[in-house]
Amino acid sequence: MKIYNCHWQTGEYIGSQDAPLDPLESLNQGKEVYLMPAHSTVVAPPDAAEGNARIFKNGAWTQIEDHRGTRIYKTSDASEMIIAEVGAIPEGFTLLAPCEFPVWDGTQWTSQPPPPLPDPLCDLVAALMTKGVLVEADLPTSISAMPTVAAVMNAKKA
């Protein structure tokens, strides 16, 4: 007799085997009696559907979305997570990888660079560059594009 084994916590199908014969009960009852291991069933699971896990619950098989191992991104802050459990992609997450300076618009990521630095900070960066404490390679593009800083960089190149 073929039996189908399930994970003890999730009910997920993990394999099949031939049930072992119970020699004592078979002798007592005068017919073949099989041992049924815990978390097993004689109900055959359905064929696996792409992207689903087969789960035995309440005496029947169901198929549930399976994204385990998939990288997803939180839409509120673009943080990354790897799915570890069977089920749909959680609300507030997406499969779409974020761009630079990501902001979620409800359907996709859009790039929203940070606001420019206030002028006193630009002046400080420019002064540090003039003294040689900072070099252009140390600066992110968003700072080196600021007018005060760009002017110092252009003067140094001339």
C-alpha atoms as a PDB file:
ATOM      1  CA  MET A   1       0.000   0.000   0.000  1.00  0.00           C
ATOM      2  CA  LYS A   2       1.389   3.376  -1.047  1.00  0.00           C
ATOM      3  CA  ILE A   3       1.351   6.201   1.511  1.00  0.00           C
ATOM      4  CA  TYR A   4       2.208   9.879   1.148  1.00  0.00           C
ATOM      5  CA  ASN A   5       4.231  11.668   3.800  1.00  0.00           C
ATOM      6  CA  CYS A   6       3.713  15.270   4.867  1.00  0.00           C
ATOM      7  CA  HIS A   7       5.788  17.727   6.852  1.00  0.00           C
ATOM      8  CA  TRP A   8       4.702  17.525  10.481  1.00  0.00           C
ATOM      9  CA  GLN A   9       4.140  21.304  10.831  1.00  0.00           C
ATOM     10  CA  THR A  10       3.181  22.602   7.389  1.00  0.00           C
ATOM     11  CA  GLY A  11       1.471  19.557   5.845  1.00  0.00           C
ATOM     12  CA  GLU A  12       3.649  19.957   2.756  1.00  0.00           C
ATOM     13  CA  TYR A  13       4.133  16.818   0.663  1.00  0.00           C
ATOM     14  CA  ILE A  14       7.639  15.438   1.204  1.00  0.00           C
ATOM     15  CA  GLY A  15       7.527  12.017  -0.438  1.00  0.00           C
ATOM     16  CA  SER A  16       5.903   8.613  -0.690  1.00  0.00           C
ATOM     17  CA  GLN A  17       6.715   5.116   0.424  1.00  0.00           C
ATOM     18  CA  ASP A  18       5.216   1.673   0.689  1.00  0.00           C
ATOM     19  CA  ALA A  19       3.531   1.276   4.076  1.00  0.00           C
ATOM     20  CA  PRO A  20       5.079  -1.441   6.223  1.00  0.00           C
ATOM     21  CA  LEU A  21       2.918  -4.448   7.035  1.00  0.00           C
ATOM     22  CA  ASP A  22       1.974  -4.828  10.721  1.00  0.00           C
ATOM     23  CA  PRO A  23       2.705  -8.521  11.306  1.00  0.00           C
ATOM     24  CA  LEU A  24       0.924  -8.797  14.685  1.00  0.00           C
ATOM     25  CA  GLU A  25      -2.320  -7.031  13.658  1.00  0.00           C
ATOM     26  CA  SER A  26      -2.322  -8.846  10.309  1.00  0.00           C
ATOM     27  CA  LEU A  27      -2.150 -12.164  12.180  1.00  0.00           C
ATOM     28  CA  ASN A  28      -4.821 -11.134  14.740  1.00  0.00           C
ATOM     29  CA  GLN A  29      -7.255  -9.857  12.110  1.00  0.00           C
ATOM     30  CA  GLY A  30      -6.567 -12.512   9.490  1.00  0.00           C
ATOM     31  CA  LYS A  31      -5.974  -9.893   6.782  1.00  0.00           C
ATOM     32  CA  GLU A  32      -3.208  -7.497   5.784  1.00  0.00           C
ATOM     33  CA  VAL A  33      -3.008  -4.514   8.126  1.00  0.00           C
ATOM     34  CA  TYR A  34      -0.500  -1.758   7.419  1.00  0.00           C
ATOM     35  CA  LEU A  35       1.328   0.565   9.772  1.00  0.00           C
ATOM     36  CA  MET A  36       0.486   4.177   9.115  1.00  0.00           C
ATOM     37  CA  PRO A  37       3.250   6.573  10.199  1.00  0.00           C
ATOM     38  CA  ALA A  38       2.250   9.893  11.706  1.00  0.00           C
ATOM     39  CA  HIS A  39       1.681  12.713   9.194  1.00  0.00           C
ATOM     40  CA  SER A  40       0.922  10.317   6.346  1.00  0.00           C
ATOM     41  CA  THR A  41      -2.111   9.687   4.169  1.00  0.00           C
ATOM     42  CA  VAL A  42      -3.279   7.168   1.587  1.00  0.00           C
ATOM     43  CA  VAL A  43      -4.749  10.039  -0.476  1.00  0.00           C
ATOM     44  CA  ALA A  44      -2.410  10.696  -3.406  1.00  0.00           C
ATOM     45  CA  PRO A  45      -1.338  14.320  -3.883  1.00  0.00           C
ATOM     46  CA  PRO A  46      -2.214  16.138  -7.113  1.00  0.00           C
ATOM     47  CA  ASP A  47       0.479  16.785  -9.706  1.00  0.00           C
ATOM     48  CA  ALA A  48       2.595  19.745  -8.673  1.00  0.00           C
ATOM     49  CA  ALA A  49       1.587  23.013 -10.336  1.00  0.00           C
ATOM     50  CA  GLU A  50       4.402  25.394 -11.300  1.00  0.00           C
ATOM     51  CA  GLY A  51       5.226  27.730  -8.396  1.00  0.00           C
ATOM     52  CA  ASN A  52       3.005  25.930  -5.876  1.00  0.00           C
ATOM     53  CA  ALA A  53       3.526  23.642  -2.902  1.00  0.00           C
ATOM     54  CA  ARG A  54       1.171  20.711  -2.242  1.00  0.00           C
ATOM     55  CA  ILE A  55      -0.272  20.886   1.272  1.00  0.00           C
ATOM     56  CA  PHE A  56      -2.383  18.213   3.017  1.00  0.00           C
ATOM     57  CA  LYS A  57      -4.832  19.892   5.385  1.00  0.00           C
ATOM     58  CA  ASN A  58      -8.150  18.768   6.870  1.00  0.00           C
ATOM     59  CA  GLY A  59      -8.085  15.498   4.921  1.00  0.00           C
ATOM     60  CA  ALA A  60      -7.511  17.027   1.471  1.00  0.00           C
ATOM     61  CA  TRP A  61      -4.699  18.335  -0.709  1.00  0.00           C
ATOM     62  CA  THR A  62      -4.459  21.981  -1.689  1.00  0.00           C
ATOM     63  CA  GLN A  63      -1.880  23.879  -3.689  1.00  0.00           C
ATOM     64  CA  ILE A  64      -0.486  27.095  -2.226  1.00  0.00           C
ATOM     65  CA  GLU A  65       1.809  29.661  -3.842  1.00  0.00           C
ATOM     66  CA  ASP A  66       5.451  28.882  -3.100  1.00  0.00           C
ATOM     67  CA  HIS A  67       7.945  31.747  -3.375  1.00  0.00           C
ATOM     68  CA  ARG A  68      10.501  30.375  -0.904  1.00  0.00           C
ATOM     69  CA  GLY A  69      14.006  31.604  -1.702  1.00  0.00           C
ATOM     70  CA  THR A  70      12.653  34.539  -3.722  1.00  0.00           C
ATOM     71  CA  ARG A  71      14.073  38.005  -3.071  1.00  0.00           C
ATOM     72  CA  ILE A  72      11.359  40.610  -2.400  1.00  0.00           C
ATOM     73  CA  TYR A  73      11.468  44.297  -1.495  1.00  0.00           C
ATOM     74  CA  LYS A  74       9.463  46.245   1.069  1.00  0.00           C
ATOM     75  CA  THR A  75       7.606  49.048  -0.707  1.00  0.00           C
ATOM     76  CA  SER A  76       7.801  51.414   2.282  1.00  0.00           C
ATOM     77  CA  ASP A  77      11.607  51.518   2.518  1.00  0.00           C
ATOM     78  CA  ALA A  78      13.040  49.287  -0.290  1.00  0.00           C
ATOM     79  CA  SER A  79      14.566  46.892   2.252  1.00  0.00           C
ATOM     80  CA  GLU A  80      15.237  43.403   0.933  1.00  0.00           C
ATOM     81  CA  MET A  81      13.952  40.090   2.270  1.00  0.00           C
ATOM     82  CA  ILE A  82      14.143  36.440   1.198  1.00  0.00           C
ATOM     83  CA  ILE A  83      10.849  34.543   1.501  1.00  0.00           C
ATOM     84  CA  ALA A  84      11.182  31.574   3.852  1.00  0.00           C
ATOM     85  CA  GLU A  85       7.614  30.229   4.073  1.00  0.00           C
ATOM     86  CA  VAL A  86       4.981  28.902   1.684  1.00  0.00           C
ATOM     87  CA  GLY A  87       2.324  31.432   0.714  1.00  0.00           C
ATOM     88  CA  ALA A  88       1.622  34.500  -1.358  1.00  0.00           C
ATOM     89  CA  ILE A  89       3.969  37.472  -1.476  1.00  0.00           C
ATOM     90  CA  PRO A  90       3.088  39.505   1.625  1.00  0.00           C
ATOM     91  CA  GLU A  91       1.172  42.776   1.308  1.00  0.00           C
ATOM     92  CA  GLY A  92       3.538  45.737   1.137  1.00  0.00           C
ATOM     93  CA  PHE A  93       6.249  43.835  -0.769  1.00  0.00           C
ATOM     94  CA  THR A  94       7.148  43.548  -4.452  1.00  0.00           C
ATOM     95  CA  LEU A  95       9.329  41.393  -6.688  1.00  0.00           C
ATOM     96  CA  LEU A  96      10.565  44.520  -8.491  1.00  0.00           C
ATOM     97  CA  ALA A  97      14.102  45.506  -7.481  1.00  0.00           C
ATOM     98  CA  PRO A  98      14.386  49.130  -6.383  1.00  0.00           C
ATOM     99  CA  CYS A  99      16.286  51.747  -8.368  1.00  0.00           C
ATOM    100  CA  GLU A 100      18.681  54.351  -6.972  1.00  0.00           C
ATOM    101  CA  PHE A 101      16.835  56.720  -4.569  1.00  0.00           C
ATOM    102  CA  PRO A 102      13.717  54.486  -4.634  1.00  0.00           C
ATOM    103  CA  VAL A 103      10.180  55.656  -3.907  1.00  0.00           C
ATOM    104  CA  TRP A 104       7.251  53.265  -4.470  1.00  0.00           C
ATOM    105  CA  ASP A 105       4.405  54.885  -6.427  1.00  0.00           C
ATOM    106  CA  GLY A 106       1.942  52.041  -5.917  1.00  0.00           C
ATOM    107  CA  THR A 107       2.924  50.029  -9.004  1.00  0.00           C
ATOM    108  CA  GLN A 108       6.643  50.635  -9.550  1.00  0.00           C
ATOM    109  CA  TRP A 109       9.785  52.243  -8.147  1.00  0.00           C
ATOM    110  CA  THR A 110      10.604  55.792  -9.173  1.00  0.00           C
ATOM    111  CA  SER A 111      13.890  57.536  -8.520  1.00  0.00           C
ATOM    112  CA  GLN A 112      13.650  60.544  -6.236  1.00  0.00           C
ATOM    113  CA  PRO A 113      17.123  61.957  -5.522  1.00  0.00           C
ATOM    114  CA  PRO A 114      17.625  63.616  -2.156  1.00  0.00           C
ATOM    115  CA  PRO A 115      17.250  67.383  -2.039  1.00  0.00           C
ATOM    116  CA  PRO A 116      20.417  69.417  -2.611  1.00  0.00           C
ATOM    117  CA  LEU A 117      22.555  70.292   0.359  1.00  0.00           C
ATOM    118  CA  PRO A 118      21.981  73.702   1.900  1.00  0.00           C
ATOM    119  CA  ASP A 119      24.390  76.395   0.616  1.00  0.00           C
ATOM    120  CA  PRO A 120      26.486  76.594   3.828  1.00  0.00           C
ATOM    121  CA  LEU A 121      27.252  72.886   3.460  1.00  0.00           C
ATOM    122  CA  CYS A 122      28.107  73.352  -0.232  1.00  0.00           C
ATOM    123  CA  ASP A 123      30.431  76.179   0.778  1.00  0.00           C
ATOM    124  CA  LEU A 124      32.106  73.905   3.333  1.00  0.00           C
ATOM    125  CA  VAL A 125      32.584  71.137   0.736  1.00  0.00           C
ATOM    126  CA  ALA A 126      33.995  73.702  -1.713  1.00  0.00           C
ATOM    127  CA  ALA A 127      36.380  75.058   0.954  1.00  0.00           C
ATOM    128  CA  LEU A 128      37.595  71.544   1.816  1.00  0.00           C
ATOM    129  CA  MET A 129      38.186  70.865  -1.875  1.00  0.00           C
ATOM    130  CA  THR A 130      40.111  74.121  -2.268  1.00  0.00           C
ATOM    131  CA  LYS A 131      42.378  73.106   0.631  1.00  0.00           C
ATOM    132  CA  GLY A 132      42.867  69.652  -0.893  1.00  0.00           C
ATOM    133  CA  VAL A 133      41.175  67.827   1.996  1.00  0.00           C
ATOM    134  CA  LEU A 134      38.470  66.505  -0.364  1.00  0.00           C
ATOM    135  CA  VAL A 135      38.900  65.462  -3.988  1.00  0.00           C
ATOM    136  CA  GLU A 136      36.266  65.071  -6.692  1.00  0.00           C
ATOM    137  CA  ALA A 137      36.452  61.267  -6.516  1.00  0.00           C
ATOM    138  CA  ASP A 138      35.297  61.435  -2.863  1.00  0.00           C
ATOM    139  CA  LEU A 139      32.047  63.173  -3.765  1.00  0.00           C
ATOM    140  CA  PRO A 140      28.768  61.602  -4.826  1.00  0.00           C
ATOM    141  CA  THR A 141      27.345  62.919  -8.096  1.00  0.00           C
ATOM    142  CA  SER A 142      24.553  64.778  -6.290  1.00  0.00           C
ATOM    143  CA  ILE A 143      27.121  66.970  -4.451  1.00  0.00           C
ATOM    144  CA  SER A 144      29.610  67.488  -7.282  1.00  0.00           C
ATOM    145  CA  ALA A 145      26.777  68.792  -9.490  1.00  0.00           C
ATOM    146  CA  MET A 146      25.978  71.660  -7.093  1.00  0.00           C
ATOM    147  CA  PRO A 147      26.952  75.071  -8.484  1.00  0.00           C
ATOM    148  CA  THR A 148      29.358  76.121  -5.706  1.00  0.00           C
ATOM    149  CA  VAL A 149      31.164  72.767  -5.726  1.00  0.00           C
ATOM    150  CA  ALA A 150      31.171  72.543  -9.537  1.00  0.00           C
ATOM    151  CA  ALA A 151      32.754  75.994  -9.740  1.00  0.00           C
ATOM    152  CA  VAL A 152      35.629  74.928  -7.453  1.00  0.00           C
ATOM    153  CA  MET A 153      36.127  71.701  -9.437  1.00  0.00           C
ATOM    154  CA  ASN A 154      36.205  73.629 -12.733  1.00  0.00           C
ATOM    155  CA  ALA A 155      38.674  76.169 -11.306  1.00  0.00           C
ATOM    156  CA  LYS A 156      40.980  73.341 -10.188  1.00  0.00           C
ATOM    157  CA  LYS A 157      40.854  71.783 -13.659  1.00  0.00           C
ATOM    158  CA  ALA A 158      41.737  75.106 -15.375  1.00  0.00           C
END
